[in-house]
């Protein structure tokens, strides 16, 4: 038996592959989306207004369904563009979705807290 060309690959606990990172970031996308939608509607319920014109139009014309459709469209664009990137860089797609939605949710919480 020959061991030529064979090697053991050990994964350390902190050893994160690009695929692992992308999976984690897609989970963050879902959490960020939910946080943004929930905090937006809580803010609207207490009398605040939506500052994003696209989201405001979607909410005014179609309510929660419009907001979810807008978020779904953004995710769809990300999923269509994802294969255009090399595997090592694909995590940028969920990061690019999650970061603004997380920032919006944090801003929503701050604004809601300042009103209450």
Protein backbone atom coordinates (compact mmCIF):
# COMPACT_ATOMS: atom_id res chain seq x y z
CA UNK A 1 0.00 0.00 0.00
CA UNK A 2 1.40 3.39 -0.97
CA UNK A 3 0.69 6.72 0.66
CA UNK A 4 1.96 8.74 -2.26
CA UNK A 5 -0.33 11.68 -2.95
CA UNK A 6 -2.49 10.90 0.07
CA UNK A 7 -2.72 13.21 3.03
CA UNK A 8 -4.88 13.70 6.06
CA UNK A 9 -6.72 16.95 6.27
CA UNK A 10 -7.44 18.08 9.81
CA UNK A 11 -9.97 20.79 10.48
CA UNK A 12 -9.19 22.92 13.45
CA UNK A 13 -12.13 24.39 15.38
CA UNK A 14 -11.30 27.87 14.10
CA UNK A 15 -10.57 26.69 10.56
CA UNK A 16 -13.43 28.14 8.53
CA UNK A 17 -13.67 27.35 4.82
CA UNK A 18 -15.24 29.76 2.31
CA UNK A 19 -18.23 27.40 2.03
CA UNK A 20 -18.70 27.39 5.82
CA UNK A 21 -18.47 31.17 5.91
CA UNK A 22 -21.03 31.53 3.14
CA UNK A 23 -23.45 29.18 4.92
CA UNK A 24 -23.09 31.15 8.14
CA UNK A 25 -23.67 34.43 6.31
CA UNK A 26 -26.85 33.11 4.63
CA UNK A 27 -28.17 32.33 8.12
CA UNK A 28 -27.28 35.89 9.13
CA UNK A 29 -29.20 37.13 6.05
CA UNK A 30 -32.36 35.41 7.26
CA UNK A 31 -31.95 36.79 10.78
CA UNK A 32 -31.18 40.29 9.48
CA UNK A 33 -34.17 40.19 7.13
CA UNK A 34 -36.48 39.17 9.97
CA UNK A 35 -35.02 41.78 12.31
CA UNK A 36 -35.42 44.53 9.72
CA UNK A 37 -38.99 43.56 8.81
CA UNK A 38 -40.13 43.16 12.42
CA UNK A 39 -38.55 46.39 13.64
CA UNK A 40 -39.86 48.27 10.60
CA UNK A 41 -43.42 47.19 11.27
CA UNK A 42 -43.11 47.87 15.00
CA UNK A 43 -41.90 51.37 14.13
CA UNK A 44 -44.74 51.89 11.68
CA UNK A 45 -47.22 50.66 14.30
CA UNK A 46 -46.07 53.31 16.80
CA UNK A 47 -46.28 56.10 14.23
CA UNK A 48 -42.82 56.23 12.66
CA UNK A 49 -42.41 56.31 8.89
CA UNK A 50 -40.29 54.29 6.49
CA UNK A 51 -37.37 56.36 5.16
CA UNK A 52 -36.45 54.07 2.23
CA UNK A 53 -38.61 55.21 -0.71
CA UNK A 54 -38.68 51.78 -2.37
CA UNK A 55 -39.68 50.04 0.85
CA UNK A 56 -42.18 52.80 1.67
CA UNK A 57 -43.87 52.33 -1.72
CA UNK A 58 -43.96 48.54 -1.35
CA UNK A 59 -45.40 48.78 2.15
CA UNK A 60 -47.97 51.44 1.26
CA UNK A 61 -49.23 49.51 -1.75
CA UNK A 62 -48.94 45.90 -0.57
CA UNK A 63 -48.20 45.90 3.17
CA UNK A 64 -46.09 43.10 4.62
CA UNK A 65 -46.31 41.14 1.37
CA UNK A 66 -44.78 44.04 -0.51
CA UNK A 67 -41.93 44.33 1.96
CA UNK A 68 -41.25 40.58 1.78
CA UNK A 69 -41.41 40.67 -2.03
CA UNK A 70 -38.84 43.47 -2.05
CA UNK A 71 -36.54 41.48 0.24
CA UNK A 72 -37.12 38.34 -1.85
CA UNK A 73 -36.19 40.26 -5.00
CA UNK A 74 -32.92 41.38 -3.39
CA UNK A 75 -32.11 37.80 -2.37
CA UNK A 76 -33.00 36.61 -5.87
CA UNK A 77 -30.59 39.09 -7.45
CA UNK A 78 -27.90 37.88 -5.06
CA UNK A 79 -28.55 34.24 -5.91
CA UNK A 80 -28.45 34.96 -9.65
CA UNK A 81 -25.16 36.86 -9.36
CA UNK A 82 -23.54 34.41 -6.91
CA UNK A 83 -22.37 31.86 -9.53
CA UNK A 84 -20.52 34.63 -11.36
CA UNK A 85 -18.02 34.76 -8.49
CA UNK A 86 -15.25 32.32 -7.68
CA UNK A 87 -16.10 30.08 -4.74
CA UNK A 88 -13.68 31.89 -2.42
CA UNK A 89 -15.54 35.18 -2.96
CA UNK A 90 -19.16 34.04 -2.93
CA UNK A 91 -19.61 34.93 0.74
CA UNK A 92 -19.65 38.58 -0.35
CA UNK A 93 -23.21 38.07 -1.65
CA UNK A 94 -24.84 37.22 1.69
CA UNK A 95 -22.59 39.71 3.46
CA UNK A 96 -23.79 42.42 1.08
CA UNK A 97 -27.39 41.55 1.92
CA UNK A 98 -26.99 41.03 5.66
CA UNK A 99 -24.96 44.11 6.58
CA UNK A 100 -27.40 46.78 5.38
CA UNK A 101 -30.37 44.90 6.83
CA UNK A 102 -28.60 44.53 10.17
CA UNK A 103 -27.73 48.22 10.12
CA UNK A 104 -31.36 49.07 9.34
CA UNK A 105 -32.59 46.88 12.19
CA UNK A 106 -30.16 48.50 14.65
CA UNK A 107 -31.23 51.96 13.48
CA UNK A 108 -34.88 50.92 13.79
CA UNK A 109 -34.35 49.71 17.36
CA UNK A 110 -32.55 52.94 18.26
CA UNK A 111 -35.32 55.06 16.73
CA UNK A 112 -38.08 53.04 18.41
CA UNK A 113 -36.29 53.26 21.77
CA UNK A 114 -35.88 57.02 21.44
CA UNK A 115 -39.63 57.46 20.81
CA UNK A 116 -40.84 55.21 23.62
